[in-house]
Amino acid sequence: MDAANKKSEDVISMADSSFTLEDIEGELLKIERIRNILVRRESELRYMIDDIELCEEITRLKRELQGLVSIPDGDKTKEDGEREEELLRRINKLVETRDFLVDDVDFERLREREEDVEMATFLKSKYPKTPGTKGAPRDRKALSRSPHSSPPLITKTGLTLLKDCCGVTCSVM
C-alpha cells in the first residue's frame, strides 16, 4: 500500500498541480503557433534565396547578351547569332520560372491566411472571450489575431525582391 501511494505521488509530482488541462492545451497551442510561424519564415527565406539566385542568373545572362548585341551585325559570326538566340531563350525560361515562383508565393500567402482564420475560429470556440476564463491562454489576443492585423508573412524586403526582381541589379521586369 505504501509503495502504491509512493507511485501515485510520483505521478502527481511530475506535473505542476497549479496547471489545468486547459493551461497545458493552451501552452501546446502556443508552441504549435510558434512552430508554424517558424516553418512559414523558413519557406519565405527559401523563396527569397530562389528569387535571388534567379535574378543573379538573369542579370549574368543579360550582361552576356548585351555584349553580343553591341557587336555590329556585319561583324557577328554565326555562333554569335546562335548564342544570342540561346541567351534569349534561357532568359525567357528563367523569367517564366520566376513568374511561377511569384505566383507560388501568392498562393502560399492565401493558404496561410486561410489557416490563420481557421486557427482563430478554433481558438475562439475553445477559449471564448469571457473575463476570468480559467485555463485560457494568457496571450489569447496574439493567438487569435486576424490575418489582417498580423505582420506580413513575407517581409516588405522579400516582397519587393520578388516583385522587382532584385531592384537595381536586375531590371527584367
N, C-alpha and C. Protein backbone atom coordinates (compact mmCIF):
# COMPACT_ATOMS: atom_id res chain seq x y z
N MET A 1 0.82 -1.19 0.00
CA MET A 1 0.00 0.00 0.00
C MET A 1 0.87 1.26 0.00
N ASP A 2 1.92 1.26 0.81
CA ASP A 2 2.82 2.40 0.86
C ASP A 2 3.50 2.62 -0.49
N ALA A 3 3.88 1.52 -1.16
CA ALA A 3 4.52 1.62 -2.47
C ALA A 3 3.54 2.18 -3.50
N ALA A 4 2.26 1.79 -3.38
CA ALA A 4 1.25 2.29 -4.32
C ALA A 4 1.06 3.80 -4.13
N ASN A 5 1.01 4.23 -2.87
CA ASN A 5 0.89 5.67 -2.62
C ASN A 5 2.11 6.41 -3.12
N LYS A 6 3.29 5.83 -2.96
CA LYS A 6 4.53 6.45 -3.43
C LYS A 6 4.47 6.63 -4.94
N LYS A 7 4.02 5.57 -5.67
CA LYS A 7 3.90 5.66 -7.12
C LYS A 7 2.91 6.74 -7.50
N SER A 8 1.79 6.82 -6.83
CA SER A 8 0.76 7.81 -7.11
C SER A 8 1.32 9.22 -6.88
N GLU A 9 2.08 9.41 -5.82
CA GLU A 9 2.68 10.70 -5.55
C GLU A 9 3.70 11.06 -6.61
N ASP A 10 4.46 10.07 -7.12
CA ASP A 10 5.45 10.34 -8.16
C ASP A 10 4.76 10.85 -9.43
N VAL A 11 3.64 10.26 -9.77
CA VAL A 11 2.93 10.68 -10.97
C VAL A 11 2.42 12.10 -10.80
N ILE A 12 1.85 12.40 -9.65
CA ILE A 12 1.34 13.74 -9.38
C ILE A 12 2.48 14.74 -9.35
N SER A 13 3.61 14.35 -8.79
CA SER A 13 4.71 15.28 -8.68
C SER A 13 5.36 15.59 -10.03
N MET A 14 5.07 14.78 -11.04
CA MET A 14 5.65 15.04 -12.36
C MET A 14 5.00 16.25 -13.02
N ALA A 15 3.79 16.60 -12.62
CA ALA A 15 3.11 17.75 -13.19
C ALA A 15 2.87 18.77 -12.10
N ASP A 16 3.04 20.02 -12.44
CA ASP A 16 2.76 21.09 -11.50
C ASP A 16 1.25 21.13 -11.30
N SER A 17 0.82 20.94 -10.08
CA SER A 17 -0.61 20.83 -9.81
C SER A 17 -1.34 22.16 -10.04
N SER A 18 -0.63 23.26 -10.24
CA SER A 18 -1.29 24.54 -10.50
C SER A 18 -1.73 24.66 -11.95
N PHE A 19 -1.29 23.75 -12.82
CA PHE A 19 -1.69 23.77 -14.22
C PHE A 19 -2.93 22.91 -14.41
N THR A 20 -3.87 23.45 -15.16
CA THR A 20 -5.06 22.66 -15.51
C THR A 20 -4.83 22.08 -16.90
N LEU A 21 -5.70 21.19 -17.29
CA LEU A 21 -5.62 20.61 -18.62
C LEU A 21 -5.72 21.71 -19.68
N GLU A 22 -6.59 22.69 -19.45
CA GLU A 22 -6.73 23.80 -20.40
C GLU A 22 -5.45 24.62 -20.49
N ASP A 23 -4.77 24.82 -19.33
CA ASP A 23 -3.50 25.54 -19.34
C ASP A 23 -2.49 24.82 -20.24
N ILE A 24 -2.42 23.53 -20.08
CA ILE A 24 -1.46 22.73 -20.85
C ILE A 24 -1.83 22.76 -22.33
N GLU A 25 -3.13 22.60 -22.62
CA GLU A 25 -3.57 22.66 -24.03
C GLU A 25 -3.27 24.02 -24.63
N GLY A 26 -3.49 25.08 -23.85
CA GLY A 26 -3.21 26.44 -24.31
C GLY A 26 -1.73 26.61 -24.62
N GLU A 27 -0.89 26.09 -23.74
CA GLU A 27 0.56 26.17 -23.96
C GLU A 27 0.96 25.40 -25.21
N LEU A 28 0.37 24.22 -25.38
CA LEU A 28 0.65 23.43 -26.59
C LEU A 28 0.22 24.18 -27.85
N LEU A 29 -0.91 24.85 -27.80
CA LEU A 29 -1.36 25.63 -28.95
C LEU A 29 -0.39 26.78 -29.25
N LYS A 30 0.11 27.43 -28.20
CA LYS A 30 1.09 28.50 -28.40
C LYS A 30 2.34 27.95 -29.07
N ILE A 31 2.80 26.80 -28.61
CA ILE A 31 4.00 26.19 -29.18
C ILE A 31 3.76 25.82 -30.65
N GLU A 32 2.59 25.27 -30.94
CA GLU A 32 2.24 24.91 -32.31
C GLU A 32 2.22 26.16 -33.20
N ARG A 33 1.67 27.25 -32.67
CA ARG A 33 1.63 28.51 -33.43
C ARG A 33 3.04 29.01 -33.72
N ILE A 34 3.90 28.95 -32.73
CA ILE A 34 5.29 29.39 -32.92
C ILE A 34 5.98 28.51 -33.96
N ARG A 35 5.74 27.20 -33.89
CA ARG A 35 6.33 26.28 -34.87
C ARG A 35 5.85 26.64 -36.27
N ASN A 36 4.56 26.93 -36.42
CA ASN A 36 4.03 27.30 -37.73
C ASN A 36 4.65 28.59 -38.24
N ILE A 37 4.85 29.54 -37.35
CA ILE A 37 5.49 30.80 -37.75
C ILE A 37 6.90 30.54 -38.24
N LEU A 38 7.63 29.67 -37.55
CA LEU A 38 9.00 29.36 -37.95
C LEU A 38 9.03 28.62 -39.29
N VAL A 39 8.09 27.70 -39.50
CA VAL A 39 8.02 26.98 -40.78
C VAL A 39 7.72 27.96 -41.91
N ARG A 40 6.81 28.89 -41.65
CA ARG A 40 6.49 29.89 -42.66
C ARG A 40 7.70 30.77 -42.97
N ARG A 41 8.41 31.16 -41.95
CA ARG A 41 9.60 32.01 -42.16
C ARG A 41 10.66 31.25 -42.95
N GLU A 42 10.84 29.97 -42.65
CA GLU A 42 11.78 29.15 -43.40
C GLU A 42 11.37 29.11 -44.87
N SER A 43 10.11 28.91 -45.13
CA SER A 43 9.60 28.87 -46.50
C SER A 43 9.84 30.21 -47.19
N GLU A 44 9.56 31.30 -46.49
CA GLU A 44 9.79 32.64 -47.03
C GLU A 44 11.26 32.83 -47.42
N LEU A 45 12.15 32.41 -46.54
CA LEU A 45 13.58 32.57 -46.81
C LEU A 45 14.02 31.71 -48.00
N ARG A 46 13.45 30.53 -48.14
CA ARG A 46 13.78 29.68 -49.29
C ARG A 46 13.31 30.33 -50.59
N TYR A 47 12.11 30.91 -50.57
CA TYR A 47 11.63 31.63 -51.75
C TYR A 47 12.58 32.78 -52.09
N MET A 48 13.00 33.49 -51.07
CA MET A 48 13.89 34.63 -51.30
C MET A 48 15.22 34.17 -51.88
N ILE A 49 15.76 33.07 -51.38
CA ILE A 49 17.02 32.54 -51.92
C ILE A 49 16.83 32.17 -53.38
N ASP A 50 15.74 31.46 -53.69
CA ASP A 50 15.47 31.08 -55.08
C ASP A 50 15.35 32.31 -55.96
N ASP A 51 14.66 33.34 -55.46
CA ASP A 51 14.48 34.56 -56.23
C ASP A 51 15.82 35.25 -56.49
N ILE A 52 16.64 35.35 -55.47
CA ILE A 52 17.95 35.99 -55.62
C ILE A 52 18.79 35.24 -56.64
N GLU A 53 18.80 33.91 -56.55
CA GLU A 53 19.59 33.11 -57.49
C GLU A 53 19.08 33.29 -58.92
N LEU A 54 17.77 33.31 -59.10
CA LEU A 54 17.21 33.53 -60.43
C LEU A 54 17.58 34.92 -60.96
N CYS A 55 17.47 35.92 -60.11
CA CYS A 55 17.82 37.29 -60.53
C CYS A 55 19.29 37.40 -60.90
N GLU A 56 20.14 36.78 -60.12
CA GLU A 56 21.58 36.83 -60.43
C GLU A 56 21.87 36.15 -61.77
N GLU A 57 21.24 35.02 -62.03
CA GLU A 57 21.45 34.32 -63.29
C GLU A 57 20.89 35.13 -64.46
N ILE A 58 19.73 35.72 -64.29
CA ILE A 58 19.15 36.56 -65.34
C ILE A 58 20.07 37.74 -65.62
N THR A 59 20.58 38.37 -64.59
CA THR A 59 21.48 39.51 -64.73
C THR A 59 22.75 39.10 -65.46
N ARG A 60 23.31 37.95 -65.09
CA ARG A 60 24.53 37.47 -65.75
C ARG A 60 24.28 37.23 -67.24
N LEU A 61 23.18 36.59 -67.56
CA LEU A 61 22.86 36.30 -68.96
C LEU A 61 22.57 37.58 -69.74
N LYS A 62 21.92 38.54 -69.11
CA LYS A 62 21.64 39.81 -69.78
C LYS A 62 22.94 40.55 -70.11
N ARG A 63 23.89 40.51 -69.20
CA ARG A 63 25.19 41.16 -69.48
C ARG A 63 25.86 40.52 -70.68
N GLU A 64 25.84 39.19 -70.71
CA GLU A 64 26.44 38.48 -71.83
C GLU A 64 25.70 38.82 -73.12
N LEU A 65 24.39 38.88 -73.06
CA LEU A 65 23.59 39.22 -74.24
C LEU A 65 23.88 40.64 -74.70
N GLN A 66 24.02 41.57 -73.78
CA GLN A 66 24.33 42.96 -74.14
C GLN A 66 25.67 43.04 -74.86
N GLY A 67 26.61 42.20 -74.41
CA GLY A 67 27.91 42.17 -75.10
C GLY A 67 27.76 41.71 -76.54
N LEU A 68 26.93 40.72 -76.77
CA LEU A 68 26.72 40.21 -78.13
C LEU A 68 25.90 41.19 -78.97
N VAL A 69 24.92 41.84 -78.36
CA VAL A 69 24.09 42.79 -79.10
C VAL A 69 24.91 44.02 -79.51
N SER A 70 25.91 44.36 -78.73
CA SER A 70 26.74 45.54 -79.05
C SER A 70 27.66 45.30 -80.25
N ILE A 71 27.81 44.05 -80.67
CA ILE A 71 28.62 43.75 -81.86
C ILE A 71 27.80 44.12 -83.09
N PRO A 72 28.37 44.88 -84.00
CA PRO A 72 27.64 45.22 -85.23
C PRO A 72 27.24 43.94 -85.98
N ASP A 73 26.06 44.00 -86.61
CA ASP A 73 25.54 42.81 -87.29
C ASP A 73 26.52 42.27 -88.34
N GLY A 74 27.22 43.13 -89.00
CA GLY A 74 28.17 42.68 -90.03
C GLY A 74 29.36 41.93 -89.45
N ASP A 75 29.69 42.20 -88.19
CA ASP A 75 30.84 41.56 -87.55
C ASP A 75 30.49 40.29 -86.77
N LYS A 76 29.18 40.01 -86.64
CA LYS A 76 28.75 38.84 -85.86
C LYS A 76 28.99 37.57 -86.66
N THR A 77 29.45 36.56 -85.92
CA THR A 77 29.59 35.25 -86.53
C THR A 77 28.28 34.49 -86.39
N LYS A 78 28.19 33.37 -87.07
CA LYS A 78 27.00 32.53 -86.96
C LYS A 78 26.84 32.08 -85.50
N GLU A 79 27.97 31.76 -84.86
CA GLU A 79 27.94 31.34 -83.46
C GLU A 79 27.42 32.45 -82.55
N ASP A 80 27.80 33.70 -82.86
CA ASP A 80 27.31 34.83 -82.07
C ASP A 80 25.78 34.93 -82.16
N GLY A 81 25.25 34.79 -83.35
CA GLY A 81 23.80 34.84 -83.55
C GLY A 81 23.09 33.71 -82.82
N GLU A 82 23.67 32.51 -82.91
CA GLU A 82 23.09 31.36 -82.21
C GLU A 82 23.15 31.55 -80.70
N ARG A 83 24.25 32.12 -80.25
CA ARG A 83 24.41 32.36 -78.81
C ARG A 83 23.39 33.39 -78.33
N GLU A 84 23.15 34.43 -79.14
CA GLU A 84 22.14 35.43 -78.80
C GLU A 84 20.78 34.78 -78.63
N GLU A 85 20.41 33.92 -79.58
CA GLU A 85 19.12 33.24 -79.51
C GLU A 85 19.05 32.33 -78.28
N GLU A 86 20.12 31.63 -78.01
CA GLU A 86 20.16 30.75 -76.84
C GLU A 86 20.02 31.56 -75.55
N LEU A 87 20.72 32.69 -75.47
CA LEU A 87 20.63 33.54 -74.28
C LEU A 87 19.20 34.06 -74.10
N LEU A 88 18.58 34.48 -75.19
CA LEU A 88 17.20 34.96 -75.11
C LEU A 88 16.26 33.85 -74.62
N ARG A 89 16.44 32.63 -75.13
CA ARG A 89 15.61 31.51 -74.68
C ARG A 89 15.82 31.24 -73.19
N ARG A 90 17.08 31.24 -72.77
CA ARG A 90 17.37 30.96 -71.36
C ARG A 90 16.82 32.05 -70.45
N ILE A 91 16.98 33.31 -70.86
CA ILE A 91 16.45 34.42 -70.06
C ILE A 91 14.93 34.30 -69.97
N ASN A 92 14.28 34.02 -71.09
CA ASN A 92 12.83 33.86 -71.11
C ASN A 92 12.41 32.73 -70.17
N LYS A 93 13.12 31.62 -70.21
CA LYS A 93 12.79 30.48 -69.34
C LYS A 93 12.95 30.85 -67.86
N LEU A 94 14.03 31.58 -67.54
CA LEU A 94 14.25 32.00 -66.15
C LEU A 94 13.18 32.98 -65.69
N VAL A 95 12.75 33.88 -66.57
CA VAL A 95 11.70 34.82 -66.21
C VAL A 95 10.40 34.07 -65.98
N GLU A 96 10.09 33.08 -66.81
CA GLU A 96 8.90 32.25 -66.60
C GLU A 96 8.99 31.51 -65.26
N THR A 97 10.16 30.99 -64.94
CA THR A 97 10.36 30.29 -63.67
C THR A 97 10.13 31.25 -62.51
N ARG A 98 10.64 32.44 -62.66
CA ARG A 98 10.49 33.45 -61.61
C ARG A 98 9.02 33.86 -61.47
N ASP A 99 8.32 34.00 -62.58
CA ASP A 99 6.88 34.31 -62.53
C ASP A 99 6.13 33.21 -61.77
N PHE A 100 6.50 31.97 -62.03
CA PHE A 100 5.89 30.85 -61.32
C PHE A 100 6.19 30.95 -59.82
N LEU A 101 7.41 31.32 -59.47
CA LEU A 101 7.80 31.49 -58.08
C LEU A 101 6.94 32.55 -57.40
N VAL A 102 6.75 33.68 -58.07
CA VAL A 102 5.94 34.76 -57.51
C VAL A 102 4.50 34.29 -57.32
N ASP A 103 3.96 33.58 -58.31
CA ASP A 103 2.60 33.03 -58.19
C ASP A 103 2.51 32.05 -57.03
N ASP A 104 3.54 31.24 -56.86
CA ASP A 104 3.57 30.27 -55.77
C ASP A 104 3.57 30.96 -54.41
N VAL A 105 4.33 32.05 -54.31
CA VAL A 105 4.37 32.82 -53.06
C VAL A 105 2.98 33.37 -52.77
N ASP A 106 2.32 33.92 -53.79
CA ASP A 106 0.97 34.45 -53.60
C ASP A 106 0.01 33.36 -53.13
N PHE A 107 0.10 32.18 -53.74
CA PHE A 107 -0.75 31.06 -53.36
C PHE A 107 -0.49 30.66 -51.91
N GLU A 108 0.78 30.59 -51.53
CA GLU A 108 1.13 30.22 -50.15
C GLU A 108 0.59 31.23 -49.16
N ARG A 109 0.67 32.50 -49.48
CA ARG A 109 0.16 33.54 -48.59
C ARG A 109 -1.35 33.40 -48.40
N LEU A 110 -2.07 33.10 -49.48
CA LEU A 110 -3.52 32.90 -49.36
C LEU A 110 -3.82 31.67 -48.49
N ARG A 111 -3.09 30.59 -48.71
CA ARG A 111 -3.29 29.38 -47.93
C ARG A 111 -3.01 29.65 -46.45
N GLU A 112 -1.95 30.40 -46.17
CA GLU A 112 -1.61 30.70 -44.79
C GLU A 112 -2.66 31.59 -44.13
N ARG A 113 -3.23 32.51 -44.90
CA ARG A 113 -4.31 33.34 -44.34
C ARG A 113 -5.51 32.47 -43.97
N GLU A 114 -5.84 31.51 -44.85
CA GLU A 114 -6.94 30.60 -44.55
C GLU A 114 -6.66 29.80 -43.29
N GLU A 115 -5.42 29.33 -43.14
CA GLU A 115 -5.04 28.60 -41.93
C GLU A 115 -5.19 29.49 -40.70
N ASP A 116 -4.79 30.75 -40.83
CA ASP A 116 -4.90 31.68 -39.70
C ASP A 116 -6.35 31.88 -39.29
N VAL A 117 -7.23 32.01 -40.28
CA VAL A 117 -8.65 32.19 -39.98
C VAL A 117 -9.19 30.94 -39.29
N GLU A 118 -8.83 29.76 -39.80
CA GLU A 118 -9.27 28.51 -39.18
C GLU A 118 -8.77 28.40 -37.74
N MET A 119 -7.52 28.76 -37.52
CA MET A 119 -6.95 28.69 -36.17
C MET A 119 -7.65 29.68 -35.25
N ALA A 120 -7.91 30.89 -35.74
CA ALA A 120 -8.59 31.89 -34.92
C ALA A 120 -9.99 31.42 -34.55
N THR A 121 -10.69 30.82 -35.50
CA THR A 121 -12.02 30.30 -35.25
C THR A 121 -11.97 29.19 -34.20
N PHE A 122 -11.01 28.29 -34.35
CA PHE A 122 -10.86 27.21 -33.38
C PHE A 122 -10.57 27.76 -31.99
N LEU A 123 -9.64 28.71 -31.91
CA LEU A 123 -9.28 29.27 -30.61
C LEU A 123 -10.44 30.01 -29.97
N LYS A 124 -11.23 30.71 -30.79
CA LYS A 124 -12.39 31.41 -30.23
C LYS A 124 -13.42 30.43 -29.69
N SER A 125 -13.55 29.29 -30.38
CA SER A 125 -14.51 28.30 -29.88
C SER A 125 -13.97 27.58 -28.65
N LYS A 126 -12.67 27.37 -28.61
CA LYS A 126 -12.05 26.65 -27.49
C LYS A 126 -11.91 27.55 -26.27
N TYR A 127 -11.56 28.82 -26.51
CA TYR A 127 -11.34 29.77 -25.43
C TYR A 127 -12.18 31.02 -25.69
N PRO A 128 -13.47 30.96 -25.39
CA PRO A 128 -14.33 32.14 -25.63
C PRO A 128 -13.85 33.33 -24.81
N LYS A 129 -14.14 34.50 -25.31
CA LYS A 129 -13.67 35.74 -24.66
C LYS A 129 -14.56 36.12 -23.48
N THR A 130 -14.51 35.31 -22.47
CA THR A 130 -15.24 35.66 -21.25
C THR A 130 -14.22 36.02 -20.20
N PRO A 131 -14.47 37.11 -19.46
CA PRO A 131 -13.49 37.53 -18.45
C PRO A 131 -13.31 36.46 -17.39
N GLY A 132 -12.08 36.25 -17.05
CA GLY A 132 -11.76 35.32 -15.98
C GLY A 132 -11.90 33.86 -16.37
N THR A 133 -11.86 33.54 -17.64
CA THR A 133 -11.96 32.14 -18.06
C THR A 133 -10.70 31.42 -17.62
N LYS A 134 -10.89 30.43 -16.78
CA LYS A 134 -9.74 29.70 -16.27
C LYS A 134 -9.20 28.78 -17.36
N GLY A 135 -7.89 28.81 -17.52
CA GLY A 135 -7.25 27.91 -18.47
C GLY A 135 -7.08 28.51 -19.85
N ALA A 136 -7.62 29.67 -20.08
CA ALA A 136 -7.44 30.30 -21.38
C ALA A 136 -5.99 30.74 -21.50
N PRO A 137 -5.45 30.70 -22.69
CA PRO A 137 -4.07 31.13 -22.86
C PRO A 137 -3.91 32.57 -22.40
N ARG A 138 -2.80 32.88 -21.79
CA ARG A 138 -2.56 34.23 -21.27
C ARG A 138 -2.52 35.25 -22.39
N ASP A 139 -2.01 34.88 -23.54
CA ASP A 139 -1.87 35.80 -24.66
C ASP A 139 -2.88 35.44 -25.74
N ARG A 140 -4.14 35.43 -25.37
CA ARG A 140 -5.20 35.00 -26.28
C ARG A 140 -5.25 35.89 -27.52
N LYS A 141 -5.04 37.20 -27.36
CA LYS A 141 -5.09 38.11 -28.50
C LYS A 141 -4.05 37.74 -29.55
N ALA A 142 -2.87 37.39 -29.13
CA ALA A 142 -1.82 37.04 -30.08
C ALA A 142 -2.16 35.76 -30.82
N LEU A 143 -2.85 34.83 -30.14
CA LEU A 143 -3.18 33.57 -30.80
C LEU A 143 -4.34 33.72 -31.76
N SER A 144 -5.31 34.56 -31.45
CA SER A 144 -6.49 34.65 -32.29
C SER A 144 -6.48 35.88 -33.18
N ARG A 145 -5.36 36.51 -33.31
CA ARG A 145 -5.23 37.71 -34.12
C ARG A 145 -5.66 37.43 -35.55
N SER A 146 -6.40 38.34 -36.13
CA SER A 146 -6.84 38.13 -37.50
C SER A 146 -5.65 38.24 -38.43
N PRO A 147 -5.71 37.56 -39.60
CA PRO A 147 -4.58 37.59 -40.51
C PRO A 147 -4.29 39.00 -41.02
N HIS A 148 -5.29 39.89 -40.97
CA HIS A 148 -5.05 41.23 -41.47
C HIS A 148 -4.26 42.08 -40.49
N SER A 149 -4.33 41.75 -39.20
CA SER A 149 -3.62 42.54 -38.22
C SER A 149 -2.26 41.96 -37.87
N SER A 150 -1.98 40.76 -38.34
CA SER A 150 -0.68 40.16 -38.04
C SER A 150 0.35 40.70 -39.02
N PRO A 151 1.62 40.62 -38.64
CA PRO A 151 2.66 41.11 -39.55
C PRO A 151 2.66 40.28 -40.82
N PRO A 152 3.07 40.87 -41.93
CA PRO A 152 3.07 40.12 -43.18
C PRO A 152 3.98 38.91 -43.08
N LEU A 153 3.58 37.85 -43.76
CA LEU A 153 4.35 36.62 -43.71
C LEU A 153 5.65 36.75 -44.50
N ILE A 154 5.64 37.62 -45.47
CA ILE A 154 6.86 37.89 -46.21
C ILE A 154 7.17 39.37 -45.98
N THR A 155 8.38 39.63 -45.61
CA THR A 155 8.75 41.00 -45.28
C THR A 155 8.64 41.88 -46.50
N LYS A 156 8.55 43.19 -46.27
CA LYS A 156 8.49 44.11 -47.40
C LYS A 156 9.70 43.93 -48.29
N THR A 157 10.85 43.72 -47.69
CA THR A 157 12.05 43.49 -48.48
C THR A 157 11.88 42.27 -49.37
N GLY A 158 11.32 41.20 -48.80
CA GLY A 158 11.12 39.99 -49.57
C GLY A 158 10.14 40.19 -50.71
N LEU A 159 9.03 40.89 -50.43
CA LEU A 159 8.06 41.15 -51.49
C LEU A 159 8.64 42.04 -52.55
N THR A 160 9.37 43.06 -52.13
CA THR A 160 10.00 43.94 -53.10
C THR A 160 10.95 43.14 -53.97
N LEU A 161 11.70 42.26 -53.34
CA LEU A 161 12.63 41.44 -54.07
C LEU A 161 11.90 40.58 -55.08
N LEU A 162 10.80 39.96 -54.67
CA LEU A 162 10.06 39.11 -55.58
C LEU A 162 9.38 39.92 -56.69
N LYS A 163 8.82 41.07 -56.35
CA LYS A 163 8.12 41.85 -57.36
C LYS A 163 9.08 42.59 -58.28
N ASP A 164 10.14 43.10 -57.75
CA ASP A 164 11.03 43.95 -58.53
C ASP A 164 12.23 43.21 -59.10
N CYS A 165 12.33 41.93 -58.86
CA CYS A 165 13.42 41.14 -59.41
C CYS A 165 14.77 41.78 -59.09
N CYS A 166 15.07 41.87 -57.84
CA CYS A 166 16.36 42.35 -57.33
C CYS A 166 16.56 43.84 -57.48
N GLY A 167 15.53 44.58 -57.71
CA GLY A 167 15.67 46.03 -57.76
C GLY A 167 16.59 46.50 -58.84
N VAL A 168 17.69 47.15 -58.48
CA VAL A 168 18.58 47.76 -59.47
C VAL A 168 19.47 46.74 -60.16
N THR A 169 19.74 45.61 -59.52
CA THR A 169 20.67 44.67 -60.14
C THR A 169 20.05 43.92 -61.30
N CYS A 170 18.73 43.83 -61.32
CA CYS A 170 18.07 43.06 -62.37
C CYS A 170 16.82 43.79 -62.81
N SER A 171 16.81 44.27 -64.02
CA SER A 171 15.67 45.07 -64.48
C SER A 171 14.88 44.32 -65.55
N VAL A 172 14.70 43.03 -65.35
CA VAL A 172 13.97 42.21 -66.31
C VAL A 172 12.52 42.64 -66.38
N MET A 173 11.93 42.90 -65.23
CA MET A 173 10.51 43.22 -65.19
C MET A 173 10.34 44.61 -65.66
